[in-house]
Amino acid sequence: MSTVTSSEGSWLETRRPWAWRSMALYFSGPLVGVARFGPSWSLARCLSRPSRRPIVRGIHMAQYDRCVIDPASFPVWEAPDGSRRVQSLISSESCGGEDMAAGLWWLKPGEECETDIHPDAAEIYYVVSGAGVLRLGDEKYNVRQGMTVYIPIGVEHQTFNNGDEDLCYYWAFAPPPSGPSKAEEQGWKKL
């Protein structure tokens, strides 16, 4: 652990203007980059009310900010026929997710996707919205909002949207499938 301290004392002790010089700042890693204290730590505020100066027990340098994902930050891709959309959220590119991949997938009402199979990855679907029929191997299952589906490695699967709204899955692979994505293979357009 690295520590930054000053031996000059606080404003109340020294009557010097730098009210925060006596604070020790603790870092869990090496000291890299610049720390910026922002408007609430202004010199004027500290001088006008020295007894109310902020107390810092430590500063946490954001290490996992790429792991908290806002879908609005990532593109949505649409199939050439307009029946499906996909949005990759967790990947090696987006957050360093080398051991899994996940995202959102939509199928329009009355549409079906082509048969799919993943020879090197299991897949999970969580039905975010809508309803439809999912084929796993030779068996068909009704799926609806709130359900979860596990698709083992090497199992052929296909989805049919027989509802009146988009069927949306949150999908996840572990490990990520090898090779290019369908969007890359089939020339899906970025929305």
N, C-alpha and C. Protein backbone atom coordinates (compact mmCIF):
# COMPACT_ATOMS: atom_id res chain seq x y z
N MET A 1 0.85 -1.18 0.00
CA MET A 1 0.00 0.00 0.00
C MET A 1 0.89 1.23 0.00
N SER A 2 0.58 2.19 -0.85
CA SER A 2 1.31 3.45 -0.93
C SER A 2 0.59 4.52 -0.14
N THR A 3 1.33 5.43 0.49
CA THR A 3 0.73 6.51 1.27
C THR A 3 1.38 7.82 0.88
N VAL A 4 0.55 8.86 0.77
CA VAL A 4 1.05 10.21 0.52
C VAL A 4 0.70 11.03 1.74
N THR A 5 1.68 11.63 2.39
CA THR A 5 1.41 12.45 3.58
C THR A 5 2.18 13.75 3.48
N SER A 6 1.84 14.67 4.36
CA SER A 6 2.57 15.94 4.44
C SER A 6 2.85 16.21 5.91
N SER A 7 4.00 16.78 6.19
CA SER A 7 4.37 17.06 7.58
C SER A 7 4.04 18.49 7.98
N GLU A 8 3.35 19.23 7.13
CA GLU A 8 3.11 20.64 7.41
C GLU A 8 1.99 20.89 8.40
N GLY A 9 1.14 19.91 8.66
CA GLY A 9 0.04 20.13 9.59
C GLY A 9 -1.18 20.73 8.92
N SER A 10 -2.27 20.84 9.66
CA SER A 10 -3.52 21.35 9.11
C SER A 10 -3.57 22.87 9.17
N TRP A 11 -4.57 23.44 8.53
CA TRP A 11 -4.76 24.89 8.53
C TRP A 11 -4.94 25.41 9.95
N LEU A 12 -5.69 24.68 10.77
CA LEU A 12 -5.93 25.12 12.14
C LEU A 12 -4.63 25.17 12.95
N GLU A 13 -3.69 24.29 12.62
CA GLU A 13 -2.43 24.26 13.36
C GLU A 13 -1.42 25.28 12.82
N THR A 14 -1.37 25.47 11.53
CA THR A 14 -0.32 26.29 10.92
C THR A 14 -0.80 27.63 10.39
N ARG A 15 -2.11 27.79 10.21
CA ARG A 15 -2.72 28.97 9.60
C ARG A 15 -2.23 29.18 8.17
N ARG A 16 -1.75 28.13 7.56
CA ARG A 16 -1.37 28.17 6.15
C ARG A 16 -2.60 27.81 5.31
N PRO A 17 -2.68 28.31 4.07
CA PRO A 17 -3.89 28.13 3.27
C PRO A 17 -4.18 26.72 2.78
N TRP A 18 -3.25 25.83 2.75
CA TRP A 18 -3.52 24.50 2.19
C TRP A 18 -4.10 23.60 3.25
N ALA A 19 -5.40 23.61 3.37
CA ALA A 19 -6.10 22.93 4.45
C ALA A 19 -5.97 21.41 4.39
N TRP A 20 -5.70 20.86 3.24
CA TRP A 20 -5.68 19.41 3.13
C TRP A 20 -4.28 18.82 3.16
N ARG A 21 -3.28 19.60 3.41
CA ARG A 21 -1.91 19.09 3.34
C ARG A 21 -1.57 18.04 4.39
N SER A 22 -2.28 18.03 5.50
CA SER A 22 -1.93 17.07 6.54
C SER A 22 -2.59 15.72 6.34
N MET A 23 -3.47 15.60 5.37
CA MET A 23 -4.19 14.35 5.20
C MET A 23 -3.30 13.30 4.55
N ALA A 24 -3.48 12.08 4.98
CA ALA A 24 -2.81 10.96 4.35
C ALA A 24 -3.77 10.35 3.35
N LEU A 25 -3.32 10.14 2.14
CA LEU A 25 -4.13 9.52 1.11
C LEU A 25 -3.60 8.12 0.90
N TYR A 26 -4.47 7.13 0.97
CA TYR A 26 -4.06 5.74 0.87
C TYR A 26 -4.46 5.17 -0.48
N PHE A 27 -3.56 4.47 -1.13
CA PHE A 27 -3.81 3.87 -2.42
C PHE A 27 -3.51 2.38 -2.31
N SER A 28 -4.36 1.56 -2.91
CA SER A 28 -4.14 0.12 -2.84
C SER A 28 -3.12 -0.35 -3.87
N GLY A 29 -2.83 0.45 -4.86
CA GLY A 29 -1.86 0.09 -5.88
C GLY A 29 -0.78 1.14 -6.00
N PRO A 30 0.04 1.02 -7.02
CA PRO A 30 1.09 2.03 -7.21
C PRO A 30 0.47 3.38 -7.55
N LEU A 31 1.17 4.45 -7.23
CA LEU A 31 0.68 5.79 -7.52
C LEU A 31 0.90 6.09 -8.99
N VAL A 32 -0.21 6.18 -9.72
CA VAL A 32 -0.16 6.44 -11.15
C VAL A 32 -1.25 7.44 -11.47
N GLY A 33 -0.98 8.40 -12.33
CA GLY A 33 -2.01 9.33 -12.78
C GLY A 33 -2.13 10.53 -11.87
N VAL A 34 -3.25 11.22 -12.02
CA VAL A 34 -3.47 12.47 -11.32
C VAL A 34 -4.76 12.37 -10.52
N ALA A 35 -4.74 12.82 -9.28
CA ALA A 35 -5.96 12.90 -8.47
C ALA A 35 -6.48 14.32 -8.55
N ARG A 36 -7.74 14.48 -8.82
CA ARG A 36 -8.34 15.80 -8.92
C ARG A 36 -9.43 15.91 -7.86
N PHE A 37 -9.40 16.95 -7.06
CA PHE A 37 -10.32 17.05 -5.94
C PHE A 37 -11.65 17.70 -6.29
N GLY A 38 -11.79 18.42 -7.37
CA GLY A 38 -13.07 18.94 -7.82
C GLY A 38 -13.60 20.10 -7.01
N PRO A 39 -14.80 20.61 -7.40
CA PRO A 39 -15.36 21.83 -6.82
C PRO A 39 -15.65 21.75 -5.33
N SER A 40 -16.05 20.59 -4.82
CA SER A 40 -16.38 20.53 -3.39
C SER A 40 -15.13 20.63 -2.52
N TRP A 41 -13.97 20.51 -3.10
CA TRP A 41 -12.71 20.62 -2.36
C TRP A 41 -12.02 21.94 -2.69
N SER A 42 -12.74 22.94 -3.05
CA SER A 42 -12.11 24.19 -3.47
C SER A 42 -11.35 24.84 -2.32
N LEU A 43 -10.31 25.56 -2.68
CA LEU A 43 -9.50 26.27 -1.70
C LEU A 43 -10.36 27.29 -0.95
N ALA A 44 -11.23 28.00 -1.67
CA ALA A 44 -12.09 29.00 -1.02
C ALA A 44 -12.98 28.36 0.04
N ARG A 45 -13.52 27.18 -0.25
CA ARG A 45 -14.39 26.51 0.73
C ARG A 45 -13.59 26.10 1.97
N CYS A 46 -12.41 25.58 1.75
CA CYS A 46 -11.59 25.14 2.88
C CYS A 46 -11.13 26.32 3.73
N LEU A 47 -10.82 27.45 3.08
CA LEU A 47 -10.38 28.62 3.84
C LEU A 47 -11.53 29.28 4.59
N SER A 48 -12.72 29.30 3.99
CA SER A 48 -13.85 29.97 4.65
C SER A 48 -14.40 29.16 5.81
N ARG A 49 -14.28 27.86 5.77
CA ARG A 49 -14.80 27.01 6.85
C ARG A 49 -13.80 25.90 7.15
N PRO A 50 -12.69 26.23 7.77
CA PRO A 50 -11.67 25.21 8.00
C PRO A 50 -12.16 24.05 8.85
N SER A 51 -13.11 24.29 9.73
CA SER A 51 -13.60 23.20 10.57
C SER A 51 -14.46 22.22 9.79
N ARG A 52 -14.92 22.61 8.60
CA ARG A 52 -15.77 21.74 7.80
C ARG A 52 -15.02 21.15 6.62
N ARG A 53 -13.74 21.19 6.64
CA ARG A 53 -13.03 20.66 5.48
C ARG A 53 -13.28 19.15 5.40
N PRO A 54 -13.32 18.60 4.19
CA PRO A 54 -13.63 17.19 4.02
C PRO A 54 -12.58 16.31 4.65
N ILE A 55 -13.02 15.19 5.16
CA ILE A 55 -12.10 14.20 5.71
C ILE A 55 -12.01 13.06 4.72
N VAL A 56 -10.81 12.70 4.32
CA VAL A 56 -10.61 11.61 3.39
C VAL A 56 -9.91 10.48 4.12
N ARG A 57 -10.51 9.33 4.09
CA ARG A 57 -9.89 8.16 4.71
C ARG A 57 -9.10 7.35 3.68
N GLY A 58 -9.39 7.55 2.42
CA GLY A 58 -8.68 6.85 1.36
C GLY A 58 -9.31 7.18 0.02
N ILE A 59 -8.56 7.01 -1.02
CA ILE A 59 -9.08 7.22 -2.36
C ILE A 59 -8.99 5.90 -3.09
N HIS A 60 -10.10 5.49 -3.68
CA HIS A 60 -10.13 4.25 -4.44
C HIS A 60 -10.03 4.58 -5.92
N MET A 61 -8.99 4.16 -6.54
CA MET A 61 -8.82 4.36 -7.97
C MET A 61 -9.69 3.32 -8.67
N ALA A 62 -10.62 3.72 -9.54
CA ALA A 62 -11.56 2.83 -10.19
C ALA A 62 -10.82 1.77 -10.99
N GLN A 63 -11.01 0.55 -10.61
CA GLN A 63 -10.35 -0.57 -11.25
C GLN A 63 -11.35 -1.37 -12.09
N TYR A 64 -12.62 -1.31 -11.75
CA TYR A 64 -13.62 -2.13 -12.40
C TYR A 64 -14.66 -1.30 -13.15
N ASP A 65 -14.36 -0.06 -13.49
CA ASP A 65 -15.35 0.79 -14.15
C ASP A 65 -15.80 0.22 -15.49
N ARG A 66 -14.96 -0.54 -16.19
CA ARG A 66 -15.36 -1.18 -17.45
C ARG A 66 -16.30 -2.35 -17.22
N CYS A 67 -16.40 -2.83 -15.99
CA CYS A 67 -17.23 -3.99 -15.68
C CYS A 67 -18.68 -3.63 -15.38
N VAL A 68 -18.97 -2.36 -15.20
CA VAL A 68 -20.35 -1.89 -14.99
C VAL A 68 -20.79 -1.31 -16.33
N ILE A 69 -21.72 -1.99 -16.98
CA ILE A 69 -21.99 -1.74 -18.39
C ILE A 69 -23.35 -1.09 -18.60
N ASP A 70 -23.35 0.01 -19.33
CA ASP A 70 -24.58 0.71 -19.72
C ASP A 70 -24.85 0.35 -21.18
N PRO A 71 -25.96 -0.37 -21.46
CA PRO A 71 -26.24 -0.75 -22.84
C PRO A 71 -26.28 0.42 -23.82
N ALA A 72 -26.62 1.61 -23.34
CA ALA A 72 -26.66 2.78 -24.22
C ALA A 72 -25.29 3.11 -24.81
N SER A 73 -24.23 2.56 -24.23
CA SER A 73 -22.87 2.82 -24.70
C SER A 73 -22.41 1.88 -25.80
N PHE A 74 -23.23 0.89 -26.15
CA PHE A 74 -22.80 -0.12 -27.12
C PHE A 74 -23.75 -0.18 -28.31
N PRO A 75 -23.23 -0.46 -29.49
CA PRO A 75 -24.08 -0.49 -30.69
C PRO A 75 -25.01 -1.69 -30.72
N VAL A 76 -26.12 -1.52 -31.42
CA VAL A 76 -27.06 -2.60 -31.71
C VAL A 76 -26.89 -2.93 -33.19
N TRP A 77 -26.87 -4.22 -33.52
CA TRP A 77 -26.70 -4.68 -34.89
C TRP A 77 -27.99 -5.35 -35.34
N GLU A 78 -28.41 -5.09 -36.59
CA GLU A 78 -29.65 -5.66 -37.12
C GLU A 78 -29.34 -6.59 -38.29
N ALA A 79 -30.05 -7.75 -38.33
CA ALA A 79 -29.89 -8.71 -39.42
C ALA A 79 -30.31 -8.07 -40.74
N PRO A 80 -29.74 -8.52 -41.85
CA PRO A 80 -30.08 -7.95 -43.16
C PRO A 80 -31.58 -7.96 -43.47
N ASP A 81 -32.32 -8.98 -42.98
CA ASP A 81 -33.76 -9.03 -43.26
C ASP A 81 -34.60 -8.26 -42.23
N GLY A 82 -33.95 -7.67 -41.22
CA GLY A 82 -34.65 -6.86 -40.22
C GLY A 82 -35.38 -7.65 -39.15
N SER A 83 -35.25 -8.97 -39.14
CA SER A 83 -36.00 -9.81 -38.18
C SER A 83 -35.39 -9.85 -36.79
N ARG A 84 -34.09 -9.65 -36.70
CA ARG A 84 -33.38 -9.80 -35.42
C ARG A 84 -32.42 -8.66 -35.19
N ARG A 85 -32.16 -8.41 -33.91
CA ARG A 85 -31.13 -7.45 -33.50
C ARG A 85 -30.31 -8.11 -32.40
N VAL A 86 -29.07 -7.69 -32.28
CA VAL A 86 -28.20 -8.20 -31.23
C VAL A 86 -27.33 -7.06 -30.71
N GLN A 87 -27.01 -7.13 -29.43
CA GLN A 87 -26.14 -6.15 -28.80
C GLN A 87 -25.19 -6.90 -27.87
N SER A 88 -23.92 -6.88 -28.20
CA SER A 88 -22.90 -7.50 -27.35
C SER A 88 -22.53 -6.54 -26.23
N LEU A 89 -22.65 -6.99 -24.99
CA LEU A 89 -22.35 -6.14 -23.84
C LEU A 89 -21.08 -6.57 -23.11
N ILE A 90 -20.91 -7.86 -22.93
CA ILE A 90 -19.72 -8.38 -22.25
C ILE A 90 -18.89 -9.14 -23.27
N SER A 91 -17.66 -8.66 -23.46
CA SER A 91 -16.74 -9.30 -24.41
C SER A 91 -15.32 -8.91 -24.02
N SER A 92 -14.36 -9.49 -24.70
CA SER A 92 -12.97 -9.12 -24.40
C SER A 92 -12.73 -7.65 -24.77
N GLU A 93 -13.42 -7.16 -25.82
CA GLU A 93 -13.25 -5.77 -26.24
C GLU A 93 -13.93 -4.79 -25.29
N SER A 94 -15.12 -5.12 -24.81
CA SER A 94 -15.88 -4.16 -24.00
C SER A 94 -15.38 -4.04 -22.57
N CYS A 95 -15.03 -5.17 -21.96
CA CYS A 95 -14.67 -5.11 -20.54
C CYS A 95 -13.56 -6.08 -20.15
N GLY A 96 -12.90 -6.65 -21.14
CA GLY A 96 -11.84 -7.60 -20.84
C GLY A 96 -12.37 -8.97 -20.47
N GLY A 97 -13.63 -9.25 -20.79
CA GLY A 97 -14.25 -10.53 -20.45
C GLY A 97 -13.75 -11.64 -21.35
N GLU A 98 -12.63 -12.23 -20.99
CA GLU A 98 -12.02 -13.29 -21.79
C GLU A 98 -12.71 -14.64 -21.57
N ASP A 99 -13.37 -14.82 -20.42
CA ASP A 99 -13.93 -16.12 -20.07
C ASP A 99 -15.43 -16.25 -20.33
N MET A 100 -16.07 -15.18 -20.81
CA MET A 100 -17.49 -15.26 -21.15
C MET A 100 -17.86 -14.13 -22.10
N ALA A 101 -19.05 -14.27 -22.67
CA ALA A 101 -19.62 -13.22 -23.53
C ALA A 101 -21.10 -13.16 -23.20
N ALA A 102 -21.68 -11.96 -23.26
CA ALA A 102 -23.11 -11.80 -22.96
C ALA A 102 -23.65 -10.57 -23.65
N GLY A 103 -24.97 -10.54 -23.81
CA GLY A 103 -25.60 -9.39 -24.44
C GLY A 103 -27.10 -9.56 -24.54
N LEU A 104 -27.70 -8.76 -25.40
CA LEU A 104 -29.14 -8.79 -25.63
C LEU A 104 -29.42 -9.21 -27.07
N TRP A 105 -30.55 -9.91 -27.26
CA TRP A 105 -30.96 -10.39 -28.58
C TRP A 105 -32.46 -10.22 -28.70
N TRP A 106 -32.92 -9.68 -29.83
CA TRP A 106 -34.35 -9.45 -30.05
C TRP A 106 -34.79 -10.16 -31.32
N LEU A 107 -36.01 -10.72 -31.28
CA LEU A 107 -36.64 -11.33 -32.45
C LEU A 107 -38.02 -10.71 -32.61
N LYS A 108 -38.31 -10.20 -33.80
CA LYS A 108 -39.59 -9.52 -34.04
C LYS A 108 -40.75 -10.52 -34.07
N PRO A 109 -41.97 -10.05 -33.79
CA PRO A 109 -43.15 -10.93 -33.82
C PRO A 109 -43.33 -11.59 -35.19
N GLY A 110 -43.72 -12.88 -35.14
CA GLY A 110 -43.95 -13.63 -36.37
C GLY A 110 -42.69 -14.12 -37.06
N GLU A 111 -41.53 -13.86 -36.49
CA GLU A 111 -40.26 -14.25 -37.12
C GLU A 111 -39.65 -15.46 -36.43
N GLU A 112 -38.71 -16.08 -37.11
CA GLU A 112 -37.93 -17.17 -36.53
C GLU A 112 -36.47 -16.96 -36.92
N CYS A 113 -35.59 -17.45 -36.09
CA CYS A 113 -34.16 -17.36 -36.42
C CYS A 113 -33.73 -18.68 -37.04
N GLU A 114 -32.59 -18.66 -37.69
CA GLU A 114 -32.08 -19.91 -38.25
C GLU A 114 -31.57 -20.80 -37.12
N THR A 115 -31.43 -22.07 -37.43
CA THR A 115 -30.91 -23.03 -36.46
C THR A 115 -29.48 -22.63 -36.09
N ASP A 116 -29.15 -22.79 -34.81
CA ASP A 116 -27.82 -22.42 -34.32
C ASP A 116 -27.27 -23.58 -33.50
N ILE A 117 -25.96 -23.66 -33.43
CA ILE A 117 -25.29 -24.67 -32.61
C ILE A 117 -23.92 -24.11 -32.22
N HIS A 118 -23.52 -24.38 -31.00
CA HIS A 118 -22.22 -23.91 -30.50
C HIS A 118 -21.42 -25.14 -30.04
N PRO A 119 -20.45 -25.59 -30.85
CA PRO A 119 -19.71 -26.80 -30.52
C PRO A 119 -18.71 -26.64 -29.37
N ASP A 120 -18.44 -25.39 -28.97
CA ASP A 120 -17.41 -25.19 -27.94
C ASP A 120 -17.86 -24.30 -26.78
N ALA A 121 -19.18 -24.03 -26.67
CA ALA A 121 -19.64 -23.15 -25.59
C ALA A 121 -21.07 -23.48 -25.20
N ALA A 122 -21.33 -23.50 -23.91
CA ALA A 122 -22.70 -23.58 -23.41
C ALA A 122 -23.29 -22.18 -23.47
N GLU A 123 -24.62 -22.09 -23.52
CA GLU A 123 -25.28 -20.78 -23.60
C GLU A 123 -26.45 -20.74 -22.63
N ILE A 124 -26.73 -19.56 -22.13
CA ILE A 124 -27.88 -19.33 -21.25
C ILE A 124 -28.71 -18.21 -21.85
N TYR A 125 -30.04 -18.39 -21.85
CA TYR A 125 -30.97 -17.32 -22.21
C TYR A 125 -31.77 -16.96 -20.97
N TYR A 126 -31.95 -15.68 -20.73
CA TYR A 126 -32.94 -15.20 -19.77
C TYR A 126 -33.94 -14.40 -20.60
N VAL A 127 -35.23 -14.75 -20.51
CA VAL A 127 -36.24 -14.08 -21.33
C VAL A 127 -36.60 -12.76 -20.66
N VAL A 128 -36.13 -11.67 -21.23
CA VAL A 128 -36.35 -10.32 -20.70
C VAL A 128 -37.78 -9.86 -20.97
N SER A 129 -38.26 -10.12 -22.19
CA SER A 129 -39.63 -9.72 -22.54
C SER A 129 -40.13 -10.58 -23.69
N GLY A 130 -41.44 -10.61 -23.84
CA GLY A 130 -42.05 -11.35 -24.93
C GLY A 130 -42.26 -12.81 -24.61
N ALA A 131 -42.67 -13.56 -25.65
CA ALA A 131 -42.94 -14.99 -25.53
C ALA A 131 -42.67 -15.63 -26.87
N GLY A 132 -42.42 -16.93 -26.86
CA GLY A 132 -42.16 -17.64 -28.10
C GLY A 132 -41.98 -19.11 -27.86
N VAL A 133 -41.45 -19.78 -28.87
CA VAL A 133 -41.18 -21.21 -28.80
C VAL A 133 -39.69 -21.40 -29.06
N LEU A 134 -39.06 -22.19 -28.21
CA LEU A 134 -37.63 -22.49 -28.34
C LEU A 134 -37.49 -23.97 -28.65
N ARG A 135 -36.76 -24.28 -29.70
CA ARG A 135 -36.48 -25.68 -30.03
C ARG A 135 -35.07 -26.00 -29.54
N LEU A 136 -34.97 -27.06 -28.74
CA LEU A 136 -33.69 -27.60 -28.27
C LEU A 136 -33.61 -29.03 -28.80
N GLY A 137 -32.69 -29.28 -29.72
CA GLY A 137 -32.65 -30.59 -30.36
C GLY A 137 -33.96 -30.80 -31.11
N ASP A 138 -34.67 -31.91 -30.79
CA ASP A 138 -35.97 -32.20 -31.43
C ASP A 138 -37.15 -31.80 -30.55
N GLU A 139 -36.89 -31.17 -29.41
CA GLU A 139 -37.96 -30.83 -28.47
C GLU A 139 -38.27 -29.34 -28.52
N LYS A 140 -39.57 -29.00 -28.37
CA LYS A 140 -39.99 -27.59 -28.39
C LYS A 140 -40.54 -27.20 -27.02
N TYR A 141 -40.23 -25.96 -26.61
CA TYR A 141 -40.66 -25.45 -25.30
C TYR A 141 -41.21 -24.04 -25.47
N ASN A 142 -42.32 -23.76 -24.78
CA ASN A 142 -42.84 -22.40 -24.72
C ASN A 142 -41.99 -21.62 -23.73
N VAL A 143 -41.57 -20.43 -24.12
CA VAL A 143 -40.79 -19.57 -23.22
C VAL A 143 -41.50 -18.22 -23.12
N ARG A 144 -41.36 -17.59 -21.97
CA ARG A 144 -41.98 -16.29 -21.74
C ARG A 144 -41.12 -15.49 -20.77
N GLN A 145 -41.47 -14.23 -20.61
CA GLN A 145 -40.72 -13.32 -19.73
C GLN A 145 -40.47 -13.95 -18.36
N GLY A 146 -39.22 -13.83 -17.90
CA GLY A 146 -38.83 -14.33 -16.58
C GLY A 146 -38.24 -15.72 -16.59
N MET A 147 -38.37 -16.46 -17.69
CA MET A 147 -37.82 -17.82 -17.74
C MET A 147 -36.34 -17.79 -18.10
N THR A 148 -35.64 -18.85 -17.69
CA THR A 148 -34.23 -19.02 -18.01
C THR A 148 -34.05 -20.35 -18.73
N VAL A 149 -33.18 -20.38 -19.72
CA VAL A 149 -32.93 -21.58 -20.51
C VAL A 149 -31.43 -21.85 -20.52
N TYR A 150 -31.06 -23.10 -20.28
CA TYR A 150 -29.67 -23.53 -20.40
C TYR A 150 -29.54 -24.36 -21.68
N ILE A 151 -28.59 -24.01 -22.53
CA ILE A 151 -28.36 -24.73 -23.78
C ILE A 151 -26.97 -25.36 -23.69
N PRO A 152 -26.90 -26.69 -23.51
CA PRO A 152 -25.59 -27.34 -23.39
C PRO A 152 -24.75 -27.22 -24.67
N ILE A 153 -23.47 -27.43 -24.52
CA ILE A 153 -22.54 -27.41 -25.65
C ILE A 153 -23.02 -28.40 -26.70
N GLY A 154 -23.02 -27.98 -27.96
CA GLY A 154 -23.33 -28.87 -29.07
C GLY A 154 -24.81 -29.15 -29.31
N VAL A 155 -25.73 -28.48 -28.62
CA VAL A 155 -27.16 -28.72 -28.82
C VAL A 155 -27.70 -27.71 -29.83
N GLU A 156 -28.34 -28.25 -30.88
CA GLU A 156 -28.95 -27.42 -31.91
C GLU A 156 -30.16 -26.71 -31.31
N HIS A 157 -30.32 -25.41 -31.60
CA HIS A 157 -31.44 -24.65 -31.04
C HIS A 157 -31.94 -23.61 -32.04
N GLN A 158 -33.21 -23.22 -31.85
CA GLN A 158 -33.85 -22.27 -32.75
C GLN A 158 -35.02 -21.63 -32.00
N THR A 159 -35.27 -20.35 -32.28
CA THR A 159 -36.35 -19.62 -31.60
C THR A 159 -37.38 -19.13 -32.61
N PHE A 160 -38.66 -19.21 -32.21
CA PHE A 160 -39.79 -18.72 -32.99
C PHE A 160 -40.54 -17.72 -32.12
N ASN A 161 -40.83 -16.54 -32.64
CA ASN A 161 -41.61 -15.56 -31.89
C ASN A 161 -43.06 -15.65 -32.36
N ASN A 162 -43.90 -16.29 -31.56
CA ASN A 162 -45.32 -16.40 -31.90
C ASN A 162 -46.16 -15.41 -31.10
N GLY A 163 -45.50 -14.45 -30.46
CA GLY A 163 -46.20 -13.44 -29.67
C GLY A 163 -46.47 -12.18 -30.48
N ASP A 164 -46.95 -11.14 -29.79
CA ASP A 164 -47.27 -9.89 -30.49
C ASP A 164 -46.31 -8.76 -30.12
N GLU A 165 -45.20 -9.09 -29.47
CA GLU A 165 -44.16 -8.11 -29.17
C GLU A 165 -42.80 -8.75 -29.40
N ASP A 166 -41.76 -7.92 -29.45
CA ASP A 166 -40.40 -8.45 -29.61
C ASP A 166 -40.10 -9.44 -28.49
N LEU A 167 -39.49 -10.55 -28.86
CA LEU A 167 -38.98 -11.50 -27.88
C LEU A 167 -37.54 -11.09 -27.61
N CYS A 168 -37.20 -10.84 -26.36
CA CYS A 168 -35.85 -10.38 -26.00
C CYS A 168 -35.21 -11.35 -25.04
N TYR A 169 -34.02 -11.83 -25.40
CA TYR A 169 -33.21 -12.67 -24.53
C TYR A 169 -32.01 -11.88 -24.05
N TYR A 170 -31.64 -12.10 -22.79
CA TYR A 170 -30.29 -11.75 -22.34
C TYR A 170 -29.54 -13.06 -22.48
N TRP A 171 -28.51 -13.11 -23.28
CA TRP A 171 -27.78 -14.33 -23.54
C TRP A 171 -26.39 -14.26 -22.93
N ALA A 172 -25.85 -15.43 -22.60
CA ALA A 172 -24.49 -15.50 -22.06
C ALA A 172 -23.84 -16.80 -22.51
N PHE A 173 -22.58 -16.72 -22.89
CA PHE A 173 -21.77 -17.87 -23.25
C PHE A 173 -20.61 -17.98 -22.26
N ALA A 174 -20.27 -19.22 -21.91
CA ALA A 174 -19.06 -19.43 -21.13
C ALA A 174 -18.49 -20.79 -21.54
N PRO A 175 -17.34 -20.81 -22.14
CA PRO A 175 -16.52 -19.69 -22.61
C PRO A 175 -17.15 -19.06 -23.85
N PRO A 176 -16.61 -17.93 -24.30
CA PRO A 176 -17.14 -17.33 -25.52
C PRO A 176 -16.94 -18.28 -26.70
N PRO A 177 -17.90 -18.33 -27.62
CA PRO A 177 -17.70 -19.21 -28.78
C PRO A 177 -16.53 -18.74 -29.64
N SER A 178 -15.89 -19.69 -30.28
CA SER A 178 -14.76 -19.32 -31.15
C SER A 178 -15.29 -18.87 -32.51
N GLY A 179 -14.48 -18.16 -33.23
CA GLY A 179 -14.84 -17.72 -34.57
C GLY A 179 -15.63 -16.42 -34.58
N PRO A 180 -15.95 -15.94 -35.77
CA PRO A 180 -16.66 -14.66 -35.90
C PRO A 180 -18.12 -14.78 -35.47
N SER A 181 -18.72 -13.67 -35.09
CA SER A 181 -20.13 -13.65 -34.70
C SER A 181 -21.01 -13.71 -35.95
N LYS A 182 -22.30 -14.02 -35.75
CA LYS A 182 -23.24 -14.01 -36.88
C LYS A 182 -23.31 -12.62 -37.51
N ALA A 183 -23.28 -11.59 -36.68
CA ALA A 183 -23.33 -10.22 -37.20
C ALA A 183 -22.17 -9.96 -38.16
N GLU A 184 -20.99 -10.47 -37.81
CA GLU A 184 -19.82 -10.30 -38.68
C GLU A 184 -19.94 -11.17 -39.93
N GLU A 185 -20.35 -12.43 -39.75
CA GLU A 185 -20.45 -13.37 -40.87
C GLU A 185 -21.49 -12.94 -41.90
N GLN A 186 -22.62 -12.43 -41.43
CA GLN A 186 -23.76 -12.16 -42.32
C GLN A 186 -23.92 -10.68 -42.68
N GLY A 187 -22.99 -9.84 -42.26
CA GLY A 187 -23.03 -8.43 -42.63
C GLY A 187 -24.19 -7.66 -42.03
N TRP A 188 -24.44 -7.86 -40.74
CA TRP A 188 -25.51 -7.13 -40.06
C TRP A 188 -25.16 -5.65 -40.04
N LYS A 189 -26.18 -4.80 -40.06
CA LYS A 189 -25.91 -3.36 -40.08
C LYS A 189 -26.00 -2.77 -38.67
N LYS A 190 -25.13 -1.81 -38.44
CA LYS A 190 -25.09 -1.12 -37.15
C LYS A 190 -26.20 -0.07 -37.11
N LEU A 191 -27.01 -0.10 -36.06
CA LEU A 191 -28.11 0.88 -35.92
C LEU A 191 -27.64 2.11 -35.18
